[in-house]
Amino acid sequence: MLFASGGFQVKLYDIEQQQIRNALENIRKEMKLLEQAGALKGSLSAEEQLSLISGCPNIQEAVEGAMHIQECVPEDLELKKKIFAQLDSIVDDRVILSSSTSCLMPSKLFAGLVHVKQCIVAHPVNPPYYIPLVELVPHPETAPATVDRTHALMKKIGQCPMRVQKEVAGFVLNRLQYAIISEAWRLVEEGIVSPSDLDLVMSEGLGMRYAFIGPLETMHLNAEGMLSYCDRYSEGMKHVLKTFGPIPEFSRATAEKVNQDMCMKVPDDPEHLAARRQWRDECLMRLAKLKSQVQPQ
């Protein structure tokens, strides 16, 4: 949907033809709803964008003439390596081979490929239609031009690409997310806060601030600049950080306690979860609209 919103022709391929049919049907419904809500991205109508998207019965046909290939198979290293080995044997020297992986290292993912200079991780954030960040993570042998071209393409389709200078487990977004999850879990496990109140700290506190500025700019603004913040708060931060415990085991007992709290808010049956996700996406859509109106250019 995002690539089509930028006016690009998109071909979908999957080993299961029903997956392609389901995707095309879901895309049509989504685009029509977005158009009605005035939230469709790009300058083309829903019908014009839909005309750019088609399914392909075989991978060779799907990639023929492509400038960019975005792999979105499940997070399984061997499966992804198999796909890229297959692509490596049929693509030309110009197309970009991009993976949506959220944490697999490019050095393992693209190891031994002839077209390794054209390979990059372009990790979108779920749901990508409403959350624009894309993490660009190169293989050590990825050509700088591959990074630049992918960055430019993501900008053109309205996403917000950022460059990870060198690969690291979990990249950047998940390293930050896991740090928050880890401490959140400890605070609940140790009986310091209830799961629902823990989530309030983010949704009604940190999350509101971080929706517009990141933790480093927050530090900068919460004192007379970054140097002032470090002078004022570094000792206190170090004192608190030393009290952090080891990596949680994410034990079944705590998981059941957290699940019980979560299910009071959102029962974990498919219908309630789907409805809550739809509500979340509508909130993100409105937030994205607000950010586009107030963000400094």
Protein backbone atom coordinates (compact mmCIF):
# COMPACT_ATOMS: atom_id res chain seq x y z
CA MET A 1 0.00 0.00 0.00
CA LEU A 2 2.81 2.40 0.86
CA PHE A 3 4.75 1.73 -2.34
CA ALA A 4 1.57 2.14 -4.40
CA SER A 5 0.83 5.42 -2.61
CA GLY A 6 4.12 6.70 -4.05
CA GLY A 7 2.98 5.79 -7.57
CA PHE A 8 5.07 2.63 -7.89
CA GLN A 9 3.85 -0.55 -9.56
CA VAL A 10 3.81 -3.34 -6.96
CA LYS A 11 3.84 -7.10 -7.52
CA LEU A 12 3.01 -9.44 -4.64
CA TYR A 13 4.40 -12.95 -4.46
CA ASP A 14 3.81 -15.80 -2.01
CA ILE A 15 4.16 -19.56 -2.26
CA GLU A 16 0.47 -19.78 -1.27
CA GLN A 17 -1.75 -18.23 -3.94
CA GLN A 18 -4.56 -17.80 -1.41
CA GLN A 19 -2.31 -15.46 0.59
CA ILE A 20 -2.04 -13.21 -2.45
CA ARG A 21 -5.81 -13.25 -3.02
CA ASN A 22 -6.42 -12.45 0.65
CA ALA A 23 -3.89 -9.63 0.55
CA LEU A 24 -5.43 -8.03 -2.54
CA GLU A 25 -8.90 -8.22 -0.98
CA ASN A 26 -7.71 -6.73 2.32
CA ILE A 27 -5.80 -3.97 0.53
CA ARG A 28 -8.91 -2.99 -1.44
CA LYS A 29 -11.00 -2.78 1.74
CA GLU A 30 -8.31 -0.82 3.60
CA MET A 31 -7.76 1.67 0.80
CA LYS A 32 -11.47 2.35 0.39
CA LEU A 33 -11.85 2.96 4.13
CA LEU A 34 -8.77 5.21 4.18
CA GLU A 35 -10.09 7.21 1.24
CA GLN A 36 -13.45 7.68 2.97
CA ALA A 37 -11.65 8.85 6.13
CA GLY A 38 -9.45 11.26 4.18
CA ALA A 39 -6.38 9.35 5.36
CA LEU A 40 -5.22 7.73 2.11
CA LYS A 41 -1.56 8.47 1.51
CA GLY A 42 -0.24 9.88 -1.76
CA SER A 43 -1.88 11.98 -4.47
CA LEU A 44 -3.55 9.11 -6.36
CA SER A 45 -7.08 7.86 -5.70
CA ALA A 46 -7.72 4.48 -4.12
CA GLU A 47 -8.68 3.00 -7.50
CA GLU A 48 -5.53 4.42 -9.12
CA GLN A 49 -3.38 2.94 -6.38
CA LEU A 50 -5.19 -0.41 -6.51
CA SER A 51 -4.53 -0.59 -10.26
CA LEU A 52 -0.79 -0.53 -9.48
CA ILE A 53 -0.93 -3.64 -7.26
CA SER A 54 -1.12 -7.17 -8.64
CA GLY A 55 -0.28 -10.72 -7.62
CA CYS A 56 2.24 -13.00 -9.31
CA PRO A 57 2.14 -16.80 -9.45
CA ASN A 58 5.93 -17.23 -9.56
CA ILE A 59 8.89 -15.42 -8.06
CA GLN A 60 10.73 -14.91 -11.37
CA GLU A 61 7.79 -12.99 -12.82
CA ALA A 62 7.40 -11.01 -9.59
CA VAL A 63 10.95 -9.64 -9.60
CA GLU A 64 11.33 -9.09 -13.34
CA GLY A 65 12.17 -5.43 -13.95
CA ALA A 66 11.99 -4.58 -10.24
CA MET A 67 14.01 -1.72 -8.72
CA HIS A 68 13.35 -2.79 -5.11
CA ILE A 69 12.39 -6.14 -3.55
CA GLN A 70 10.98 -6.13 -0.01
CA GLU A 71 11.07 -9.57 1.65
CA CYS A 72 8.39 -10.05 4.33
CA VAL A 73 8.46 -13.77 5.17
CA PRO A 74 8.32 -15.00 8.81
CA GLU A 75 11.24 -14.24 11.16
CA ASP A 76 13.14 -17.44 10.43
CA LEU A 77 16.82 -17.08 9.46
CA GLU A 78 17.01 -20.26 7.36
CA LEU A 79 13.78 -19.43 5.51
CA LYS A 80 14.97 -15.89 4.77
CA LYS A 81 18.39 -17.14 3.63
CA LYS A 82 16.67 -19.60 1.30
CA ILE A 83 14.58 -16.78 -0.22
CA PHE A 84 17.60 -14.51 -0.71
CA ALA A 85 19.65 -17.33 -2.26
CA GLN A 86 16.79 -17.86 -4.70
CA LEU A 87 16.61 -14.14 -5.48
CA ASP A 88 20.40 -13.91 -5.79
CA SER A 89 20.31 -16.35 -8.69
CA ILE A 90 17.69 -14.47 -10.75
CA VAL A 91 18.14 -10.71 -10.13
CA ASP A 92 20.28 -8.22 -12.02
CA ASP A 93 23.04 -5.96 -10.67
CA ARG A 94 20.74 -2.98 -10.10
CA VAL A 95 17.79 -4.12 -7.96
CA ILE A 96 17.91 -3.60 -4.19
CA LEU A 97 17.34 -6.72 -2.08
CA SER A 98 15.75 -5.59 1.17
CA SER A 99 14.61 -7.54 4.24
CA SER A 100 11.89 -6.55 6.70
CA THR A 101 13.56 -8.50 9.52
CA SER A 102 13.26 -6.90 12.96
CA CYS A 103 16.39 -8.38 14.50
CA LEU A 104 18.28 -10.84 12.25
CA MET A 105 21.81 -9.60 11.52
CA PRO A 106 22.52 -8.63 7.89
CA SER A 107 25.92 -10.37 8.09
CA LYS A 108 24.09 -13.68 8.67
CA LEU A 109 21.10 -12.96 6.46
CA PHE A 110 23.07 -12.05 3.32
CA ALA A 111 26.19 -14.17 3.88
CA GLY A 112 27.70 -15.55 0.67
CA LEU A 113 25.38 -13.78 -1.76
CA VAL A 114 26.81 -12.66 -5.11
CA HIS A 115 24.70 -9.47 -4.94
CA VAL A 116 25.58 -8.66 -1.32
CA LYS A 117 26.40 -5.03 -2.23
CA GLN A 118 22.74 -4.61 -3.15
CA CYS A 119 21.45 -6.09 0.14
CA ILE A 120 20.08 -4.13 3.10
CA VAL A 121 17.65 -4.50 5.99
CA ALA A 122 14.80 -1.98 5.81
CA HIS A 123 12.88 -2.75 8.99
CA PRO A 124 9.43 -1.09 9.13
CA VAL A 125 7.50 -0.61 12.36
CA ASN A 126 4.11 -2.26 12.79
CA PRO A 127 1.67 -0.95 11.56
CA PRO A 128 3.85 0.72 8.89
CA TYR A 129 1.02 2.62 7.21
CA TYR A 130 0.63 4.71 10.37
CA ILE A 131 4.12 4.53 11.92
CA PRO A 132 6.63 5.91 9.42
CA LEU A 133 9.97 4.85 10.91
CA VAL A 134 12.14 2.47 8.84
CA GLU A 135 15.48 1.23 10.21
CA LEU A 136 18.11 0.88 7.47
CA VAL A 137 20.79 -1.63 8.47
CA PRO A 138 23.55 -2.46 5.95
CA HIS A 139 25.62 -5.61 5.62
CA PRO A 140 29.35 -4.78 6.12
CA GLU A 141 29.70 -5.10 2.31
CA THR A 142 26.55 -3.18 1.37
CA ALA A 143 27.36 -0.43 -1.12
CA PRO A 144 26.76 3.14 0.15
CA ALA A 145 24.64 3.72 -2.97
CA THR A 146 22.29 0.93 -1.84
CA VAL A 147 21.73 2.69 1.48
CA ASP A 148 21.23 6.05 -0.25
CA ARG A 149 18.78 4.65 -2.80
CA THR A 150 16.75 2.85 -0.13
CA HIS A 151 16.71 5.99 2.03
CA ALA A 152 15.45 8.06 -0.92
CA LEU A 153 12.77 5.49 -1.80
CA MET A 154 11.45 5.34 1.76
CA LYS A 155 11.29 9.15 1.88
CA LYS A 156 9.42 9.20 -1.44
CA ILE A 157 6.68 6.89 -0.11
CA GLY A 158 6.27 9.06 3.01
CA GLN A 159 8.24 6.96 5.48
CA CYS A 160 10.90 8.23 7.88
CA PRO A 161 14.10 6.24 7.28
CA MET A 162 17.00 6.30 9.74
CA ARG A 163 20.48 4.84 9.24
CA VAL A 164 21.98 2.30 11.63
CA GLN A 165 25.71 2.87 11.12
CA LYS A 166 26.69 -0.72 11.88
CA GLU A 167 24.75 -3.87 12.72
CA VAL A 168 23.92 -4.75 16.31
CA ALA A 169 21.52 -7.37 17.72
CA GLY A 170 17.98 -5.98 17.76
CA PHE A 171 19.04 -2.88 15.78
CA VAL A 172 17.95 0.34 17.56
CA LEU A 173 14.17 0.31 17.97
CA ASN A 174 13.99 -3.15 19.52
CA ARG A 175 16.98 -2.52 21.79
CA LEU A 176 15.13 0.48 23.23
CA GLN A 177 11.82 -1.40 23.29
CA TYR A 178 13.34 -4.42 25.04
CA ALA A 179 15.01 -2.19 27.64
CA ILE A 180 11.59 -0.72 28.48
CA ILE A 181 9.89 -4.14 28.47
CA SER A 182 12.62 -5.57 30.72
CA GLU A 183 12.30 -2.90 33.39
CA ALA A 184 8.49 -2.89 33.10
CA TRP A 185 8.45 -6.63 33.71
CA ARG A 186 10.73 -6.34 36.76
CA LEU A 187 8.60 -3.58 38.30
CA VAL A 188 5.46 -5.72 37.94
CA GLU A 189 7.18 -8.95 39.03
CA GLU A 190 8.53 -7.29 42.19
CA GLY A 191 5.09 -5.96 43.13
CA ILE A 192 6.05 -2.30 42.74
CA VAL A 193 3.25 -1.47 40.31
CA SER A 194 0.25 -3.20 38.73
CA PRO A 195 0.37 -4.04 35.00
CA SER A 196 -2.38 -1.54 34.19
CA ASP A 197 -0.71 1.27 36.13
CA LEU A 198 2.62 0.43 34.50
CA ASP A 199 1.04 0.96 31.08
CA LEU A 200 -0.36 4.32 32.28
CA VAL A 201 3.18 5.52 32.93
CA MET A 202 3.88 5.15 29.22
CA SER A 203 0.51 6.04 27.66
CA GLU A 204 -0.14 9.08 29.90
CA GLY A 205 3.48 10.01 30.61
CA LEU A 206 6.59 9.09 28.68
CA GLY A 207 4.72 8.06 25.55
CA MET A 208 3.04 11.45 25.16
CA ARG A 209 6.40 13.20 25.32
CA TYR A 210 8.22 10.70 23.14
CA ALA A 211 5.55 10.91 20.41
CA PHE A 212 7.11 14.21 19.38
CA ILE A 213 10.67 14.28 20.72
CA GLY A 214 13.11 11.53 21.65
CA PRO A 215 14.87 10.83 24.97
CA LEU A 216 17.99 12.79 24.05
CA GLU A 217 16.11 15.96 23.07
CA THR A 218 13.97 15.49 26.20
CA MET A 219 17.17 15.63 28.27
CA HIS A 220 18.31 18.70 26.33
CA LEU A 221 15.03 20.55 26.98
CA ASN A 222 14.61 19.48 30.61
CA ALA A 223 17.60 21.57 31.65
CA GLU A 224 19.59 24.40 30.10
CA GLY A 225 20.87 22.06 27.41
CA MET A 226 22.46 18.60 27.44
CA LEU A 227 25.60 19.57 29.40
CA SER A 228 23.47 21.18 32.09
CA TYR A 229 21.27 18.06 32.27
CA CYS A 230 24.25 15.74 32.71
CA ASP A 231 25.78 17.97 35.37
CA ARG A 232 22.48 18.13 37.23
CA TYR A 233 21.13 14.59 36.92
CA SER A 234 23.91 12.15 36.00
CA GLU A 235 24.69 11.11 39.59
CA GLY A 236 21.02 10.45 40.34
CA MET A 237 20.62 8.48 37.10
CA LYS A 238 23.66 6.32 37.85
CA HIS A 239 22.38 5.65 41.37
CA VAL A 240 19.00 4.44 40.02
CA LEU A 241 20.55 2.47 37.16
CA LYS A 242 22.70 0.51 39.62
CA THR A 243 19.50 -0.78 41.25
CA PHE A 244 18.26 -2.40 38.01
CA GLY A 245 18.08 -6.17 38.26
CA PRO A 246 19.17 -8.92 35.88
CA ILE A 247 17.35 -9.79 32.66
CA PRO A 248 13.91 -11.16 33.66
CA GLU A 249 13.06 -14.79 32.95
CA PHE A 250 9.57 -13.73 31.76
CA SER A 251 8.24 -16.52 33.93
CA ARG A 252 4.88 -18.17 33.42
CA ALA A 253 3.63 -16.97 36.82
CA THR A 254 4.26 -13.30 36.03
CA ALA A 255 3.03 -13.75 32.46
CA GLU A 256 -0.28 -15.11 33.79
CA LYS A 257 -0.58 -12.21 36.24
CA VAL A 258 0.05 -9.65 33.51
CA ASN A 259 -2.27 -11.49 31.11
CA GLN A 260 -5.06 -11.44 33.70
CA ASP A 261 -4.73 -7.66 34.02
CA MET A 262 -4.54 -7.16 30.25
CA CYS A 263 -7.60 -9.35 29.64
CA MET A 264 -9.66 -7.22 32.01
CA LYS A 265 -9.03 -4.39 29.58
CA VAL A 266 -8.90 -6.35 26.32
CA PRO A 267 -10.04 -10.02 26.35
CA ASP A 268 -7.58 -12.16 24.38
CA ASP A 269 -10.06 -13.70 21.95
CA PRO A 270 -9.55 -12.83 18.24
CA GLU A 271 -12.60 -10.54 18.02
CA HIS A 272 -11.65 -8.28 20.95
CA LEU A 273 -7.97 -8.15 19.94
CA ALA A 274 -8.87 -7.23 16.35
CA ALA A 275 -11.22 -4.47 17.53
CA ARG A 276 -8.56 -3.06 19.85
CA ARG A 277 -5.94 -3.14 17.08
CA GLN A 278 -8.36 -1.25 14.82
CA TRP A 279 -8.85 1.35 17.57
CA ARG A 280 -5.06 1.59 17.98
CA ASP A 281 -4.60 2.13 14.25
CA GLU A 282 -7.26 4.85 14.20
CA CYS A 283 -5.46 6.59 17.09
CA LEU A 284 -2.15 6.33 15.25
CA MET A 285 -3.75 7.69 12.08
CA ARG A 286 -5.01 10.74 13.98
CA LEU A 287 -1.66 11.19 15.70
CA ALA A 288 0.12 11.01 12.34
CA LYS A 289 -2.20 13.74 11.02
CA LEU A 290 -1.47 15.92 14.07
CA LYS A 291 2.28 15.39 13.76
CA SER A 292 2.20 16.39 10.09
CA GLN A 293 0.50 19.66 11.09
CA VAL A 294 2.75 20.60 14.01
CA GLN A 295 6.18 19.12 13.26
CA PRO A 296 8.85 21.69 12.37
CA GLN A 297 10.10 21.09 8.84
